Amino acid sequence: MNIPELPAGFTPAYLTHILRGNGCLPTTGTVTQVEHGTVGEGTGMSSELARLRLAYSGDSGGAPDTVIAKFLPNNPANRASALAFNLPEREVRYCAELDVLTEAVTPRTFHCQLDGDYFLIVMEDLGDYSVGSQVEGATLKQTELAIDELAKLHSAFWNKVDTLEWVPGIANSYHADALANGAATGWPNMEANFNVPASVSQHKTRFLSAIPALQAERMAQPITLAHGDFRMENLMYGRQPGQHDIVVIDWQGPLRARGMFDVSLFLGQSTKTEVRRTHERALLKRYLDGLQSRGVSGIDWDFIWQDYRHCMLYNWIYTAVVAGTLDTSTEVAQAWMSKMISRHTAASEDLDVFSLLPD
């Protein structure tokens, strides 16, 4: 069945079809009513989320009372960005093919479909979890849990991504080209819309010209599967007995890259600046220990530290694209992007990353 126009297409008949296909709704049960509302408006830019509340007749079996549906955004700018980076296929295929290969915890998926440029994922509702907030920033405990989850993800695919041809590389791919173009276009908008200090803006010309070299550096061995957008809004923290400590959501942007891309993105943009400054080395050592305990070899502390600094420099590409090309008209988007930039600026100054720019 083709994906209907959403959210209007979330009818009882369509949800009955999806849940029966998954096997959680018996053929003797039927969805009779669907109510939906928006989730996380302004925090996720490349998709829309709806919470669907379901009522049944007959035997509902193990079918859920509520689910979260994820689909393309209606905002034209964000929709164009999602399609330019091929995000629908990447998330659908991660859920269908790669999720089972790692210990990293993701939501249970009831339906996962790609239909041309359209996609739909129907997953468990984690409404009882605490949603990470980039505005608030990650505490030490939240950061430790995030680092542990990255060690699980990266170790599972460490130097094992050559056959994943559908996952773009952080260099020499349509993703890399779109990021380079987006950074060049977005940097002036980022400076116009946000407080970008001179300690960063003075390096604009040199930085933008160095993007191909920075991308190639992030693609050098050892590489793994990176989440690609590892920030607070994409993490759910358990707060009740029996829940997972942390669940990672939003798998639209998996990349073949150095795993440090995810680590530095989180520490530099989501972790509270004072927490990062106080515990930075201990957190990176925790990541190294997590990799090594899962069989990763050939890396040491010096490799981790230097990789961290270089990747913190690289991440200005990501920052310019997000803050300079996506819709910043909502208060929520303005708030978290402002924190993203201010924390990234502080980390860049602390680590003197612009001194690493190639001549």
Protein backbone atom coordinates (compact mmCIF):
# COMPACT_ATOMS: atom_id res chain seq x y z
CA MET A 1 0.00 0.00 0.00
CA ASN A 2 1.36 3.43 -0.94
CA ILE A 3 1.97 5.99 1.77
CA PRO A 4 -1.01 8.38 1.82
CA GLU A 5 -0.81 12.14 2.23
CA LEU A 6 0.08 12.74 5.86
CA PRO A 7 -1.07 13.49 8.48
CA ALA A 8 -4.56 13.34 6.91
CA GLY A 9 -3.93 9.75 5.79
CA PHE A 10 -3.72 8.38 9.33
CA THR A 11 -7.14 6.73 9.10
CA PRO A 12 -8.36 3.74 11.12
CA ALA A 13 -8.20 1.55 7.99
CA TYR A 14 -4.59 2.55 7.25
CA LEU A 15 -3.43 2.00 10.84
CA THR A 16 -5.23 -1.37 10.91
CA HIS A 17 -3.29 -2.39 7.78
CA ILE A 18 0.06 -1.30 9.27
CA LEU A 19 -0.36 -2.99 12.64
CA ARG A 20 -1.69 -6.23 11.18
CA GLY A 21 1.30 -6.26 8.84
CA ASN A 22 3.60 -6.03 11.83
CA GLY A 23 1.81 -8.91 13.53
CA CYS A 24 0.98 -7.06 16.74
CA LEU A 25 -2.69 -6.63 15.79
CA PRO A 26 -4.61 -9.88 15.22
CA THR A 27 -6.83 -10.18 12.15
CA THR A 28 -9.78 -10.22 14.55
CA GLY A 29 -8.91 -6.73 15.79
CA THR A 30 -9.54 -3.41 14.06
CA VAL A 31 -8.47 0.18 14.70
CA THR A 32 -11.69 2.16 15.04
CA GLN A 33 -10.44 5.61 15.96
CA VAL A 34 -7.22 7.65 15.49
CA GLU A 35 -6.45 10.95 17.21
CA HIS A 36 -3.19 12.69 16.41
CA GLY A 37 -1.18 15.63 17.69
CA THR A 38 2.22 17.18 16.94
CA VAL A 39 5.33 16.10 18.88
CA GLY A 40 8.50 18.16 19.38
CA GLU A 41 7.60 21.06 17.09
CA GLY A 42 10.68 23.09 16.19
CA THR A 43 13.24 20.63 17.58
CA GLY A 44 13.45 18.22 14.64
CA MET A 45 13.94 19.99 11.33
CA SER A 46 14.04 17.23 8.71
CA SER A 47 10.86 15.36 9.58
CA GLU A 48 7.54 15.69 11.38
CA LEU A 49 6.41 13.63 14.33
CA ALA A 50 2.81 12.85 15.27
CA ARG A 51 1.53 11.01 18.32
CA LEU A 52 -1.36 8.75 17.29
CA ARG A 53 -3.83 7.63 19.95
CA LEU A 54 -5.64 4.48 18.87
CA ALA A 55 -8.90 2.81 19.85
CA TYR A 56 -9.78 -0.77 18.84
CA SER A 57 -12.65 -3.16 18.45
CA GLY A 58 -12.29 -6.93 18.70
CA ASP A 59 -9.05 -8.53 19.85
CA SER A 60 -6.32 -5.88 19.96
CA GLY A 61 -3.68 -8.41 21.02
CA GLY A 62 -0.39 -6.66 21.77
CA ALA A 63 -1.18 -3.59 19.68
CA PRO A 64 -0.19 -0.29 21.35
CA ASP A 65 -2.60 2.38 22.57
CA THR A 66 -0.34 5.12 21.22
CA VAL A 67 2.42 5.23 18.60
CA ILE A 68 4.73 7.86 17.16
CA ALA A 69 4.65 8.38 13.38
CA LYS A 70 7.53 10.02 11.54
CA PHE A 71 7.26 11.39 8.00
CA LEU A 72 8.51 14.15 5.69
CA PRO A 73 8.03 17.74 6.92
CA ASN A 74 5.56 20.03 5.21
CA ASN A 75 7.91 23.02 5.60
CA PRO A 76 9.34 23.51 2.07
CA ALA A 77 12.90 24.45 3.15
CA ASN A 78 13.23 21.56 5.60
CA ARG A 79 11.62 19.14 3.15
CA ALA A 80 14.08 20.12 0.40
CA SER A 81 16.99 19.66 2.81
CA ALA A 82 15.77 16.21 3.85
CA LEU A 83 15.53 15.07 0.23
CA ALA A 84 18.89 16.61 -0.74
CA PHE A 85 20.59 14.51 1.92
CA ASN A 86 18.53 11.39 1.08
CA LEU A 87 17.39 11.21 4.70
CA PRO A 88 14.22 9.13 4.15
CA GLU A 89 16.05 6.15 2.63
CA ARG A 90 18.85 6.33 5.19
CA GLU A 91 16.52 6.14 8.18
CA VAL A 92 14.26 3.46 6.73
CA ARG A 93 17.21 1.26 5.82
CA TYR A 94 18.93 1.77 9.16
CA CYS A 95 15.79 0.60 10.96
CA ALA A 96 15.25 -2.33 8.60
CA GLU A 97 18.83 -3.54 8.14
CA LEU A 98 21.31 -2.23 10.72
CA ASP A 99 19.46 -1.75 13.99
CA VAL A 100 19.69 -5.44 14.85
CA LEU A 101 23.50 -5.39 14.47
CA THR A 102 24.27 -3.11 17.42
CA GLU A 103 23.59 -2.95 21.17
CA ALA A 104 22.61 0.73 20.86
CA VAL A 105 18.97 1.02 21.96
CA THR A 106 16.38 2.42 19.54
CA PRO A 107 12.56 2.55 19.72
CA ARG A 108 10.62 -0.55 18.71
CA THR A 109 9.44 -0.14 15.11
CA PHE A 110 5.94 -1.23 14.01
CA HIS A 111 6.18 -0.06 10.40
CA CYS A 112 9.01 1.15 8.22
CA GLN A 113 8.41 2.12 4.58
CA LEU A 114 10.00 4.06 1.74
CA ASP A 115 7.70 5.10 -1.10
CA GLY A 116 9.57 7.18 -3.70
CA ASP A 117 10.54 10.42 -1.97
CA TYR A 118 8.12 9.69 0.89
CA PHE A 119 8.73 7.67 4.01
CA LEU A 120 6.86 6.57 7.09
CA ILE A 121 8.10 5.06 10.31
CA VAL A 122 5.63 4.07 13.02
CA MET A 123 7.34 3.33 16.32
CA GLU A 124 6.70 2.90 20.00
CA ASP A 125 5.70 5.96 22.00
CA LEU A 126 8.43 6.90 24.48
CA GLY A 127 6.32 9.66 26.02
CA ASP A 128 7.15 8.40 29.54
CA TYR A 129 10.84 9.10 28.89
CA SER A 130 12.53 12.45 29.41
CA VAL A 131 13.40 14.14 26.10
CA GLY A 132 16.89 15.59 25.88
CA SER A 133 17.02 19.38 25.61
CA GLN A 134 19.85 21.12 23.80
CA VAL A 135 18.74 24.42 25.31
CA GLU A 136 19.07 23.01 28.82
CA GLY A 137 22.19 21.04 27.98
CA ALA A 138 23.37 17.60 29.05
CA THR A 139 24.45 16.96 32.62
CA LEU A 140 27.46 14.80 33.40
CA LYS A 141 25.26 11.71 33.90
CA GLN A 142 23.36 12.32 30.67
CA THR A 143 26.63 12.79 28.81
CA GLU A 144 28.12 9.60 30.24
CA LEU A 145 25.08 7.62 29.09
CA ALA A 146 25.36 9.19 25.62
CA ILE A 147 29.06 8.34 25.38
CA ASP A 148 28.40 4.74 26.43
CA GLU A 149 25.76 4.39 23.72
CA LEU A 150 28.13 5.73 21.09
CA ALA A 151 30.75 3.20 22.11
CA LYS A 152 28.15 0.44 21.55
CA LEU A 153 27.21 1.79 18.11
CA HIS A 154 30.71 2.53 16.84
CA SER A 155 32.34 -0.68 18.07
CA ALA A 156 29.73 -2.81 16.26
CA PHE A 157 30.71 -1.33 12.88
CA TRP A 158 34.38 -0.45 13.49
CA ASN A 159 36.17 -0.93 10.15
CA LYS A 160 33.17 -2.96 8.94
CA VAL A 161 31.34 -0.48 6.72
CA ASP A 162 32.82 -1.17 3.28
CA THR A 163 29.76 -3.13 2.16
CA LEU A 164 27.30 -0.44 3.26
CA GLU A 165 27.31 1.33 -0.07
CA TRP A 166 23.96 3.03 0.57
CA VAL A 167 25.42 4.80 3.61
CA PRO A 168 27.22 7.90 2.31
CA GLY A 169 30.74 8.72 3.37
CA ILE A 170 31.49 11.94 5.17
CA ALA A 171 33.72 12.64 2.13
CA ASN A 172 33.37 11.88 -1.60
CA SER A 173 29.59 11.46 -1.56
CA TYR A 174 26.40 13.36 -2.32
CA HIS A 175 26.19 14.01 1.43
CA ALA A 176 29.64 15.58 1.47
CA ASP A 177 28.88 17.73 -1.58
CA ALA A 178 25.57 18.91 -0.13
CA LEU A 179 27.23 19.76 3.19
CA ALA A 180 30.03 21.71 1.51
CA ASN A 181 27.56 23.69 -0.59
CA GLY A 182 25.24 24.16 2.39
CA ALA A 183 28.07 25.45 4.59
CA ALA A 184 29.12 28.01 1.96
CA THR A 185 25.52 29.16 1.54
CA GLY A 186 24.63 28.95 5.20
CA TRP A 187 27.60 30.63 6.88
CA PRO A 188 26.50 34.21 6.03
CA ASN A 189 22.95 33.41 7.21
CA MET A 190 24.32 31.89 10.42
CA GLU A 191 26.25 35.09 11.11
CA ALA A 192 23.21 37.25 10.28
CA ASN A 193 20.80 35.30 12.50
CA PHE A 194 22.97 34.34 15.45
CA ASN A 195 25.72 35.74 17.64
CA VAL A 196 28.85 34.35 15.99
CA PRO A 197 31.90 35.97 17.65
CA ALA A 198 34.96 37.24 15.82
CA SER A 199 36.99 34.33 17.22
CA VAL A 200 35.01 32.17 14.77
CA SER A 201 33.89 34.49 11.97
CA GLN A 202 37.43 35.72 11.22
CA HIS A 203 38.26 32.21 9.97
CA LYS A 204 35.29 31.94 7.60
CA THR A 205 37.18 32.21 4.28
CA ARG A 206 40.00 29.85 5.25
CA PHE A 207 37.57 27.39 6.79
CA LEU A 208 35.24 27.18 3.81
CA SER A 209 38.16 26.68 1.42
CA ALA A 210 39.48 23.88 3.64
CA ILE A 211 36.24 21.84 3.65
CA PRO A 212 37.40 19.18 1.13
CA ALA A 213 40.54 18.54 3.18
CA LEU A 214 38.57 18.42 6.44
CA GLN A 215 36.10 15.96 4.96
CA ALA A 216 38.88 13.68 3.68
CA GLU A 217 40.46 13.69 7.13
CA ARG A 218 37.17 12.53 8.73
CA MET A 219 37.01 9.69 6.19
CA ALA A 220 40.47 8.31 6.96
CA GLN A 221 40.69 4.92 8.67
CA PRO A 222 39.55 3.77 11.13
CA ILE A 223 35.97 4.52 10.16
CA THR A 224 32.67 3.21 11.43
CA LEU A 225 28.95 3.92 11.29
CA ALA A 226 28.17 7.31 12.79
CA HIS A 227 24.70 8.46 13.82
CA GLY A 228 25.27 11.77 12.04
CA ASP A 229 23.02 14.02 14.18
CA PHE A 230 23.85 12.99 17.71
CA ARG A 231 22.41 15.77 19.89
CA MET A 232 20.19 16.07 22.94
CA GLU A 233 16.85 16.24 21.11
CA ASN A 234 17.62 12.84 19.61
CA LEU A 235 18.07 11.15 22.98
CA MET A 236 15.39 9.88 25.36
CA TYR A 237 16.31 9.24 29.00
CA GLY A 238 14.49 6.67 31.11
CA ARG A 239 13.05 7.87 34.41
CA GLN A 240 10.98 4.92 35.61
CA PRO A 241 11.85 1.37 36.74
CA GLY A 242 12.10 -1.03 33.82
CA GLN A 243 12.91 1.66 31.26
CA HIS A 244 16.16 1.85 29.32
CA ASP A 245 18.64 4.38 30.67
CA ILE A 246 18.82 5.95 27.23
CA VAL A 247 17.23 5.44 23.81
CA VAL A 248 18.65 6.94 20.60
CA ILE A 249 16.16 8.23 18.03
CA ASP A 250 16.30 9.94 14.60
CA TRP A 251 18.46 7.74 12.39
CA GLN A 252 18.03 9.84 9.27
CA GLY A 253 21.68 10.69 8.83
CA PRO A 254 23.92 7.61 9.27
CA LEU A 255 27.39 8.14 7.83
CA ARG A 256 30.55 6.22 7.18
CA ALA A 257 33.02 8.35 9.11
CA ARG A 258 35.33 8.60 12.09
CA GLY A 259 33.27 7.80 15.16
CA MET A 260 34.63 10.89 16.86
CA PHE A 261 32.28 12.95 14.67
CA ASP A 262 29.37 11.89 16.91
CA VAL A 263 31.36 12.22 20.14
CA SER A 264 32.68 15.72 19.46
CA LEU A 265 29.32 16.91 18.17
CA PHE A 266 27.65 15.94 21.43
CA LEU A 267 30.37 17.20 23.77
CA GLY A 268 30.82 20.43 21.84
CA GLN A 269 27.17 21.33 21.25
CA SER A 270 24.90 19.47 23.68
CA THR A 271 26.88 18.99 26.89
CA LYS A 272 26.79 21.95 29.26
CA THR A 273 30.00 23.92 28.72
CA GLU A 274 31.04 23.77 32.38
CA VAL A 275 30.52 19.98 32.39
CA ARG A 276 32.61 19.55 29.24
CA ARG A 277 35.41 21.74 30.57
CA THR A 278 35.57 19.89 33.88
CA HIS A 279 35.17 16.31 32.61
CA GLU A 280 36.27 16.45 28.95
CA ARG A 281 39.29 14.14 29.22
CA ALA A 282 37.52 11.68 31.51
CA LEU A 283 34.59 11.46 29.07
CA LEU A 284 36.89 10.82 26.11
CA LYS A 285 38.73 8.18 28.16
CA ARG A 286 35.34 6.61 28.91
CA TYR A 287 34.65 6.42 25.15
CA LEU A 288 38.07 4.85 24.51
CA ASP A 289 37.52 2.29 27.30
CA GLY A 290 34.07 1.50 25.90
CA LEU A 291 35.51 0.78 22.45
CA GLN A 292 38.38 -1.31 23.75
CA SER A 293 36.13 -3.36 26.04
CA ARG A 294 34.17 -4.35 22.91
CA GLY A 295 37.20 -5.51 20.96
CA VAL A 296 38.37 -2.35 19.17
CA SER A 297 42.16 -2.22 18.95
CA GLY A 298 44.84 -0.07 17.35
CA ILE A 299 43.87 3.23 18.97
CA ASP A 300 45.23 4.99 22.04
CA TRP A 301 44.70 8.15 24.07
CA ASP A 302 46.82 10.35 21.80
CA PHE A 303 44.77 9.25 18.77
CA ILE A 304 41.49 10.00 20.60
CA TRP A 305 42.58 13.45 21.78
CA GLN A 306 43.94 14.63 18.44
CA ASP A 307 40.93 13.19 16.61
CA TYR A 308 38.66 15.07 19.01
CA ARG A 309 40.28 18.45 18.34
CA HIS A 310 40.27 17.98 14.57
CA CYS A 311 36.65 16.87 14.56
CA MET A 312 35.60 19.84 16.68
CA LEU A 313 37.00 21.99 13.88
CA TYR A 314 35.21 19.97 11.20
CA ASN A 315 31.87 20.35 13.00
CA TRP A 316 31.58 23.98 11.92
CA ILE A 317 30.45 22.56 8.57
CA TYR A 318 27.51 20.89 10.30
CA THR A 319 26.81 24.01 12.36
CA ALA A 320 26.77 26.35 9.35
CA VAL A 321 24.38 24.05 7.48
CA VAL A 322 21.96 23.64 10.39
CA ALA A 323 21.93 27.27 11.53
CA GLY A 324 22.24 28.75 8.05
CA THR A 325 19.95 26.72 5.81
CA LEU A 326 17.14 25.30 7.97
CA ASP A 327 14.05 27.17 9.12
CA THR A 328 14.89 29.29 12.16
CA SER A 329 11.57 31.13 12.37
CA THR A 330 10.29 29.36 15.50
CA GLU A 331 11.30 30.33 19.01
CA VAL A 332 12.26 26.74 19.76
CA ALA A 333 14.59 26.45 16.77
CA GLN A 334 16.21 29.80 17.57
CA ALA A 335 16.81 28.73 21.17
CA TRP A 336 18.52 25.40 20.55
CA MET A 337 20.54 26.65 17.59
CA SER A 338 21.79 29.59 19.68
CA LYS A 339 22.99 27.17 22.36
CA MET A 340 24.55 24.94 19.71
CA ILE A 341 26.61 27.86 18.40
CA SER A 342 27.59 29.29 21.79
CA ARG A 343 28.76 25.92 23.13
CA HIS A 344 30.60 25.08 19.92
CA THR A 345 32.31 28.48 20.05
CA ALA A 346 33.45 27.86 23.63
CA ALA A 347 34.80 24.41 22.76
CA SER A 348 36.58 25.75 19.68
CA GLU A 349 38.25 28.50 21.72
CA ASP A 350 39.21 26.12 24.54
CA LEU A 351 40.76 23.63 22.10
CA ASP A 352 42.25 26.26 19.74
CA VAL A 353 40.81 24.34 16.82
CA PHE A 354 41.26 26.98 14.13
CA SER A 355 45.02 26.64 14.52
CA LEU A 356 44.51 23.21 12.93
CA LEU A 357 43.29 24.67 9.62
CA PRO A 358 45.52 23.55 6.76
CA ASP A 359 47.53 26.24 4.97
